[in-house]
């Protein structure tokens, strides 16, 4: 062990502690940094705080379970792969599939559970892919910024503060040495001029060290603003991952709705004809009945009142009463152009089902 080096370091720590204490009680002067440096320092501190808040918020959205977040952080620290855990949607989908198999795929409820369970599992996979993309594109780069650039700036700022304390301590020693030089006598053991010369040499060295460290720290602080361009790219990647997630989720749900609608129709057809009273209630009023025979008028093939034509449904429509017919987008139905009960409605039929629907929901198909 180098005792001289250890004693020198202890002396430096003591000198800095004395200087810091005297500054706090107002008995010592403090070297102030220029305004531009202080402004850069405040901007860097603000960037650090807001980046930490954004990361905390994003992690809470992507991984709501605090225990899972802690577990992922531990795996990152030991440089191991994150656990590939199932999402809540996938667990729900598994339960639905198991229940559907239990009730039987031949039943309407069992078949519906199987379809919904499969869709929930697909949604879970889409969610996991979204979380993975968001973590890689946004969370990890922003955390790397905090762990590298901001930690380096914090370390260099602490070193700059140490150099400043050394500089101010040297200034205090020089003032004391000059004060002793003014009141010196021949009986003094040490020539005050030697003390002054030594204090001036120490001050020059401390000033050079402080200036060099201040320049290094200033360059790092100026780099914080330029890093915002990279942060913007990471933010765009987060938005892209979210947009892809919601788009894929919407596709899954639309397909599920179509599957359930077709299942409901097949179930209704398999149940057989409705009782006579219900059929009469769902049918159109007597005055709206039309003849199914087509009558062409002229070479253009225009149809007269009472003729049925094919049309494509442009938008889903839910019946508001028993006289109307529910429609599903993109299906093809037969319709009559006129409904004497209401000019905005037409009479449509699908198989054995007949009812009134708004004409705006249909797009005629050329025969």
Protein backbone atom coordinates (compact mmCIF):
# COMPACT_ATOMS: atom_id res chain seq x y z
CA UNK A 1 0.00 0.00 0.00
CA UNK A 2 1.32 3.46 -0.96
CA UNK A 3 0.89 5.41 2.27
CA UNK A 4 1.98 8.69 0.70
CA UNK A 5 -0.63 8.36 -2.04
CA UNK A 6 -3.28 7.41 0.47
CA UNK A 7 -2.37 10.35 2.66
CA UNK A 8 -2.47 12.68 -0.34
CA UNK A 9 -5.95 11.49 -1.32
CA UNK A 10 -7.17 11.88 2.25
CA UNK A 11 -5.78 15.42 2.26
CA UNK A 12 -7.62 16.23 -0.97
CA UNK A 13 -10.89 14.88 0.38
CA UNK A 14 -10.46 16.95 3.52
CA UNK A 15 -9.64 20.10 1.55
CA UNK A 16 -12.72 19.64 -0.63
CA UNK A 17 -14.91 19.02 2.39
CA UNK A 18 -13.65 22.20 4.05
CA UNK A 19 -14.18 24.22 0.86
CA UNK A 20 -17.71 22.84 0.41
CA UNK A 21 -18.61 23.60 4.01
CA UNK A 22 -17.26 27.15 3.83
CA UNK A 23 -19.25 27.76 0.64
CA UNK A 24 -22.43 26.59 2.31
CA UNK A 25 -21.99 28.89 5.29
CA UNK A 26 -21.00 31.78 3.02
CA UNK A 27 -17.41 32.27 4.18
CA UNK A 28 -15.79 31.18 0.91
CA UNK A 29 -16.23 32.23 -2.71
CA UNK A 30 -17.52 29.84 -5.37
CA UNK A 31 -16.53 29.76 -9.03
CA UNK A 32 -19.67 30.10 -11.13
CA UNK A 33 -20.03 28.49 -14.53
CA UNK A 34 -21.15 30.56 -17.53
CA UNK A 35 -24.84 30.91 -18.38
CA UNK A 36 -24.65 28.80 -21.54
CA UNK A 37 -23.19 25.89 -19.60
CA UNK A 38 -25.91 26.17 -16.95
CA UNK A 39 -28.59 26.21 -19.65
CA UNK A 40 -27.16 23.06 -21.26
CA UNK A 41 -27.03 21.39 -17.87
CA UNK A 42 -30.69 22.17 -17.17
CA UNK A 43 -31.73 20.88 -20.60
CA UNK A 44 -29.84 17.63 -20.04
CA UNK A 45 -31.45 17.14 -16.63
CA UNK A 46 -34.89 17.79 -18.12
CA UNK A 47 -34.22 15.29 -20.93
CA UNK A 48 -33.19 12.67 -18.38
CA UNK A 49 -36.27 13.14 -16.20
CA UNK A 50 -38.75 13.10 -19.09
CA UNK A 51 -37.09 10.09 -20.71
CA UNK A 52 -37.42 8.19 -17.44
CA UNK A 53 -41.11 9.13 -17.20
CA UNK A 54 -41.78 8.11 -20.81
CA UNK A 55 -40.06 4.78 -20.27
CA UNK A 56 -42.03 4.11 -17.09
CA UNK A 57 -45.31 4.93 -18.85
CA UNK A 58 -44.51 2.83 -21.93
CA UNK A 59 -43.49 -0.17 -19.83
CA UNK A 60 -46.71 0.11 -17.81
CA UNK A 61 -48.74 -0.02 -21.03
CA UNK A 62 -46.78 -2.84 -22.65
CA UNK A 63 -46.29 -4.95 -19.50
CA UNK A 64 -49.03 -4.05 -16.98
CA UNK A 65 -47.90 -6.67 -14.45
CA UNK A 66 -45.22 -5.08 -12.16
CA UNK A 67 -43.86 -8.52 -11.29
CA UNK A 68 -43.25 -9.32 -14.94
CA UNK A 69 -41.47 -5.97 -15.41
CA UNK A 70 -39.14 -6.70 -12.49
CA UNK A 71 -38.48 -10.19 -13.83
CA UNK A 72 -37.65 -8.83 -17.29
CA UNK A 73 -35.32 -6.24 -15.78
CA UNK A 74 -33.46 -8.93 -13.85
CA UNK A 75 -33.06 -11.03 -16.98
CA UNK A 76 -31.68 -7.99 -18.81
CA UNK A 77 -29.16 -7.35 -16.04
CA UNK A 78 -27.83 -10.90 -16.18
CA UNK A 79 -27.91 -10.76 -20.00
CA UNK A 80 -30.35 -13.61 -20.47
CA UNK A 81 -33.35 -13.95 -22.76
CA UNK A 82 -36.70 -12.79 -21.45
CA UNK A 83 -39.16 -15.55 -20.51
CA UNK A 84 -41.61 -16.31 -23.32
CA UNK A 85 -44.80 -16.12 -21.24
CA UNK A 86 -48.34 -16.41 -22.65
CA UNK A 87 -50.59 -13.37 -22.66
CA UNK A 88 -53.96 -13.15 -20.90
CA UNK A 89 -55.72 -13.34 -24.27
CA UNK A 90 -53.98 -16.61 -25.05
CA UNK A 91 -54.97 -18.08 -21.70
CA UNK A 92 -58.58 -17.04 -22.35
CA UNK A 93 -58.45 -18.55 -25.82
CA UNK A 94 -57.12 -21.85 -24.45
CA UNK A 95 -59.95 -22.03 -21.93
CA UNK A 96 -62.53 -21.32 -24.64
CA UNK A 97 -61.10 -24.00 -26.93
CA UNK A 98 -61.12 -26.55 -24.12
CA UNK A 99 -64.70 -25.63 -23.22
CA UNK A 100 -65.76 -25.86 -26.88
CA UNK A 101 -64.26 -29.34 -27.17
CA UNK A 102 -66.02 -30.33 -23.98
CA UNK A 103 -69.44 -29.14 -25.19
CA UNK A 104 -68.81 -30.60 -28.63
CA UNK A 105 -68.09 -28.95 -31.96
CA UNK A 106 -71.43 -30.20 -33.25
CA UNK A 107 -73.34 -27.88 -30.93
CA UNK A 108 -73.85 -24.21 -31.77
CA UNK A 109 -72.33 -23.01 -28.49
CA UNK A 110 -69.38 -25.39 -28.68
CA UNK A 111 -68.62 -24.42 -32.26
CA UNK A 112 -68.81 -20.72 -31.36
CA UNK A 113 -66.45 -21.22 -28.42
CA UNK A 114 -63.91 -22.91 -30.69
CA UNK A 115 -64.05 -20.04 -33.19
CA UNK A 116 -63.81 -17.33 -30.53
CA UNK A 117 -61.07 -19.20 -28.67
CA UNK A 118 -58.97 -19.47 -31.82
CA UNK A 119 -59.44 -15.76 -32.48
CA UNK A 120 -58.40 -14.88 -28.92
CA UNK A 121 -55.25 -16.94 -29.33
CA UNK A 122 -54.43 -15.14 -32.59
CA UNK A 123 -54.99 -11.82 -30.81
CA UNK A 124 -52.59 -12.94 -28.08
CA UNK A 125 -49.91 -13.73 -30.64
CA UNK A 126 -50.42 -10.34 -32.28
CA UNK A 127 -50.14 -8.68 -28.88
CA UNK A 128 -46.91 -10.48 -28.05
CA UNK A 129 -45.42 -9.49 -31.40
CA UNK A 130 -46.45 -5.88 -30.73
CA UNK A 131 -44.82 -5.89 -27.30
CA UNK A 132 -41.62 -7.38 -28.70
CA UNK A 133 -41.42 -4.79 -31.50
CA UNK A 134 -42.14 -1.91 -29.11
CA UNK A 135 -39.51 -3.08 -26.62
CA UNK A 136 -36.85 -3.47 -29.31
CA UNK A 137 -37.73 -0.28 -31.18
CA UNK A 138 -38.45 2.09 -28.29
CA UNK A 139 -37.82 0.78 -24.77
CA UNK A 140 -34.33 -0.63 -25.25
CA UNK A 141 -32.85 2.31 -27.23
CA UNK A 142 -34.25 4.87 -24.78
CA UNK A 143 -32.97 2.90 -21.80
CA UNK A 144 -29.58 2.63 -23.48
CA UNK A 145 -29.55 6.42 -23.75
CA UNK A 146 -30.07 6.70 -20.00
CA UNK A 147 -27.54 3.98 -19.16
CA UNK A 148 -24.77 5.31 -21.40
CA UNK A 149 -24.99 8.97 -22.39
CA UNK A 150 -26.77 10.28 -19.31
CA UNK A 151 -24.64 8.25 -16.90
CA UNK A 152 -21.50 9.52 -18.61
CA UNK A 153 -22.74 13.11 -18.32
CA UNK A 154 -23.59 12.63 -14.65
CA UNK A 155 -20.13 11.19 -13.96
CA UNK A 156 -18.37 14.01 -15.80
CA UNK A 157 -20.46 16.64 -13.98
CA UNK A 158 -19.45 15.16 -10.63
CA UNK A 159 -15.82 15.23 -11.73
CA UNK A 160 -16.23 18.86 -12.82
CA UNK A 161 -17.63 19.74 -9.40
CA UNK A 162 -14.56 18.10 -7.81
CA UNK A 163 -12.24 20.14 -10.05
CA UNK A 164 -14.14 23.29 -9.11
CA UNK A 165 -13.73 22.60 -5.39
CA UNK A 166 -9.99 22.05 -5.94
CA UNK A 167 -9.79 25.31 -7.91
CA UNK A 168 -11.60 27.33 -5.26
CA UNK A 169 -9.50 25.75 -2.52
CA UNK A 170 -6.34 26.82 -4.40
CA UNK A 171 -7.73 30.35 -4.69
CA UNK A 172 -8.33 30.43 -0.92
CA UNK A 173 -4.77 29.21 -0.21
CA UNK A 174 -3.33 31.87 -2.51
CA UNK A 175 -5.28 34.61 -0.74
CA UNK A 176 -4.04 33.37 2.62
CA UNK A 177 -0.45 33.14 1.38
CA UNK A 178 -0.56 36.71 0.10
CA UNK A 179 -2.06 37.84 3.36
CA UNK A 180 0.80 36.20 5.26
CA UNK A 181 3.29 37.78 2.88
CA UNK A 182 1.99 41.21 3.81
CA UNK A 183 2.50 40.55 7.52
CA UNK A 184 5.69 38.51 7.33
CA UNK A 185 8.72 38.96 9.56
CA UNK A 186 12.24 37.66 9.51
CA UNK A 187 11.38 35.22 12.31
CA UNK A 188 9.04 33.18 10.09
CA UNK A 189 10.30 29.64 9.51
CA UNK A 190 9.09 29.60 5.88
CA UNK A 191 9.50 32.44 3.49
CA UNK A 192 5.97 33.69 2.60
CA UNK A 193 7.09 34.38 -0.95
CA UNK A 194 7.74 30.66 -1.39
CA UNK A 195 4.24 29.93 -0.14
CA UNK A 196 2.81 32.43 -2.58
CA UNK A 197 4.76 30.95 -5.49
CA UNK A 198 3.66 27.43 -4.59
CA UNK A 199 0.02 28.54 -4.24
CA UNK A 200 0.16 30.29 -7.63
CA UNK A 201 1.57 27.14 -9.28
CA UNK A 202 -1.17 25.00 -7.69
CA UNK A 203 -3.78 27.49 -8.86
CA UNK A 204 -2.56 27.41 -12.45
CA UNK A 205 -2.67 23.62 -12.50
CA UNK A 206 -6.14 23.52 -10.88
CA UNK A 207 -7.43 26.15 -13.35
CA UNK A 208 -6.14 24.14 -16.32
CA UNK A 209 -7.73 20.93 -14.98
CA UNK A 210 -11.02 22.74 -14.38
CA UNK A 211 -11.10 24.32 -17.84
CA UNK A 212 -10.34 21.02 -19.53
CA UNK A 213 -13.05 19.19 -17.59
CA UNK A 214 -15.55 21.99 -18.22
CA UNK A 215 -14.94 21.72 -21.98
CA UNK A 216 -15.39 17.94 -21.94
CA UNK A 217 -18.63 18.21 -19.98
CA UNK A 218 -19.91 20.98 -22.23
CA UNK A 219 -19.39 18.86 -25.35
CA UNK A 220 -21.32 15.99 -23.78
CA UNK A 221 -24.16 18.31 -22.78
CA UNK A 222 -24.39 19.71 -26.31
CA UNK A 223 -24.75 16.15 -27.61
CA UNK A 224 -27.98 15.65 -25.66
CA UNK A 225 -29.98 17.88 -28.01
CA UNK A 226 -28.63 16.10 -31.10
CA UNK A 227 -29.75 12.77 -29.63
CA UNK A 228 -33.38 13.87 -29.97
CA UNK A 229 -33.25 12.98 -33.65
CA UNK A 230 -32.59 9.37 -32.67
CA UNK A 231 -35.36 9.55 -30.06
CA UNK A 232 -37.76 10.70 -32.79
CA UNK A 233 -36.93 7.61 -34.84
CA UNK A 234 -37.58 5.39 -31.82
CA UNK A 235 -40.92 7.12 -31.27
CA UNK A 236 -41.89 6.47 -34.89
CA UNK A 237 -41.07 2.80 -34.43
CA UNK A 238 -43.35 2.67 -31.39
CA UNK A 239 -46.19 4.23 -33.37
CA UNK A 240 -45.58 1.84 -36.27
CA UNK A 241 -45.74 -1.14 -33.92
CA UNK A 242 -49.00 0.14 -32.43
CA UNK A 243 -50.56 0.77 -35.84
CA UNK A 244 -49.64 -2.72 -37.03
CA UNK A 245 -51.01 -4.22 -33.81
CA UNK A 246 -54.39 -2.51 -34.08
CA UNK A 247 -54.68 -3.25 -37.80
CA UNK A 248 -54.02 -6.95 -37.33
CA UNK A 249 -56.35 -7.10 -34.32
CA UNK A 250 -59.13 -5.47 -36.36
CA UNK A 251 -58.70 -8.04 -39.14
CA UNK A 252 -58.95 -10.90 -36.64
CA UNK A 253 -62.14 -9.48 -35.13
CA UNK A 254 -63.77 -8.81 -38.50
CA UNK A 255 -63.10 -12.40 -39.56
CA UNK A 256 -64.47 -13.63 -36.24
CA UNK A 257 -67.66 -11.61 -36.70
CA UNK A 258 -68.17 -13.12 -40.16
CA UNK A 259 -67.59 -16.63 -38.85
CA UNK A 260 -70.08 -16.15 -36.03
CA UNK A 261 -72.65 -14.61 -38.41
CA UNK A 262 -72.37 -17.53 -40.81
CA UNK A 263 -72.60 -19.92 -37.87
CA UNK A 264 -75.78 -18.21 -36.70
CA UNK A 265 -77.31 -18.44 -40.17
CA UNK A 266 -76.46 -22.11 -40.56
CA UNK A 267 -77.85 -22.82 -37.11
CA UNK A 268 -81.09 -21.01 -37.96
CA UNK A 269 -81.44 -22.91 -41.25
CA UNK A 270 -80.71 -26.21 -39.50
CA UNK A 271 -83.44 -25.52 -36.93
CA UNK A 272 -86.10 -25.91 -39.65
CA UNK A 273 -89.05 -23.68 -40.61
CA UNK A 274 -90.41 -21.28 -38.03
CA UNK A 275 -93.95 -21.66 -36.68
CA UNK A 276 -96.70 -20.22 -38.90
CA UNK A 277 -97.37 -17.27 -36.56
CA UNK A 278 -93.68 -16.24 -36.52
CA UNK A 279 -93.37 -16.53 -40.29
CA UNK A 280 -96.39 -14.28 -40.74
CA UNK A 281 -94.97 -11.76 -38.29
CA UNK A 282 -91.61 -11.60 -40.09
CA UNK A 283 -93.07 -11.39 -43.59
CA UNK A 284 -93.72 -8.14 -45.39
CA UNK A 285 -97.17 -6.56 -45.33
CA UNK A 286 -99.60 -7.91 -47.98
CA UNK A 287 -99.50 -4.74 -50.02
CA UNK A 288 -95.71 -4.99 -50.39
CA UNK A 289 -95.74 -8.51 -51.84
CA UNK A 290 -94.43 -8.55 -55.36
CA UNK A 291 -94.38 -11.01 -58.15
CA UNK A 292 -91.12 -12.97 -58.53
CA UNK A 293 -91.39 -12.93 -62.30
CA UNK A 294 -89.01 -10.63 -64.15
CA UNK A 295 -90.32 -8.36 -66.88
CA UNK A 296 -87.80 -6.59 -69.03
CA UNK A 297 -88.68 -3.29 -70.61
CA UNK A 298 -86.67 -2.29 -73.66
CA UNK A 299 -83.20 -3.21 -74.84
CA UNK A 300 -81.45 -1.77 -71.80
CA UNK A 301 -82.92 -4.42 -69.53
CA UNK A 302 -84.56 -2.04 -67.07
CA UNK A 303 -86.93 -3.66 -64.58
CA UNK A 304 -90.48 -2.68 -63.74
CA UNK A 305 -92.09 -2.47 -60.29
CA UNK A 306 -92.64 -5.92 -58.83
CA UNK A 307 -89.45 -7.43 -60.27
CA UNK A 308 -86.71 -9.01 -58.08
CA UNK A 309 -83.06 -8.17 -58.71
CA UNK A 310 -79.72 -9.18 -57.21
CA UNK A 311 -77.80 -6.72 -55.03
CA UNK A 312 -74.64 -6.65 -52.92
CA UNK A 313 -74.79 -5.43 -49.32
CA UNK A 314 -72.36 -2.50 -48.86
CA UNK A 315 -72.63 -2.23 -45.06
CA UNK A 316 -73.90 -4.28 -42.12
CA UNK A 317 -77.47 -3.50 -41.08
CA UNK A 318 -79.22 -4.65 -37.90
CA UNK A 319 -82.99 -4.95 -38.11
CA UNK A 320 -84.88 -2.58 -35.80
CA UNK A 321 -88.15 -4.53 -35.82
CA UNK A 322 -89.55 -7.89 -36.90
CA UNK A 323 -90.62 -6.57 -40.32
CA UNK A 324 -87.01 -5.79 -41.28
CA UNK A 325 -84.17 -8.06 -42.38
CA UNK A 326 -80.64 -7.95 -40.94
CA UNK A 327 -77.85 -7.71 -43.52
CA UNK A 328 -74.16 -8.54 -43.50
CA UNK A 329 -71.63 -6.66 -45.59
CA UNK A 330 -70.61 -8.23 -48.96
CA UNK A 331 -73.43 -10.80 -49.01
CA UNK A 332 -75.73 -11.00 -52.06
CA UNK A 333 -79.53 -10.80 -51.64
CA UNK A 334 -82.61 -10.38 -53.84
CA UNK A 335 -84.57 -7.15 -53.58
CA UNK A 336 -87.60 -5.38 -55.00
CA UNK A 337 -87.04 -1.75 -55.92
CA UNK A 338 -90.25 -0.37 -54.41
CA UNK A 339 -91.80 -0.56 -50.97
CA UNK A 340 -95.17 1.22 -50.83
CA UNK A 341 -94.92 1.53 -47.06
CA UNK A 342 -91.78 3.70 -47.13
CA UNK A 343 -89.95 5.11 -50.19
CA UNK A 344 -86.54 4.82 -48.46
CA UNK A 345 -86.92 1.06 -47.95
CA UNK A 346 -86.99 -1.88 -50.32
CA UNK A 347 -88.12 -5.46 -49.82
CA UNK A 348 -85.23 -7.92 -49.68
CA UNK A 349 -85.08 -11.68 -49.30
CA UNK A 350 -82.35 -14.18 -48.50
CA UNK A 351 -83.38 -17.78 -48.95
CA UNK A 352 -86.67 -18.18 -47.10
CA UNK A 353 -86.19 -14.93 -45.13
CA UNK A 354 -87.94 -11.76 -46.32
CA UNK A 355 -87.99 -8.28 -44.82
CA UNK A 356 -87.68 -4.54 -45.37
CA UNK A 357 -84.20 -2.92 -45.56
CA UNK A 358 -82.94 0.61 -46.38
CA UNK A 359 -82.21 0.94 -50.08
CA UNK A 360 -78.95 2.80 -49.38
CA UNK A 361 -77.43 -0.39 -47.95
CA UNK A 362 -77.71 -2.23 -51.28
CA UNK A 363 -75.63 -1.98 -54.46
CA UNK A 364 -77.46 -3.41 -57.52
CA UNK A 365 -75.63 -6.05 -59.51
CA UNK A 366 -75.94 -6.19 -63.28
CA UNK A 367 -77.38 -9.47 -64.42
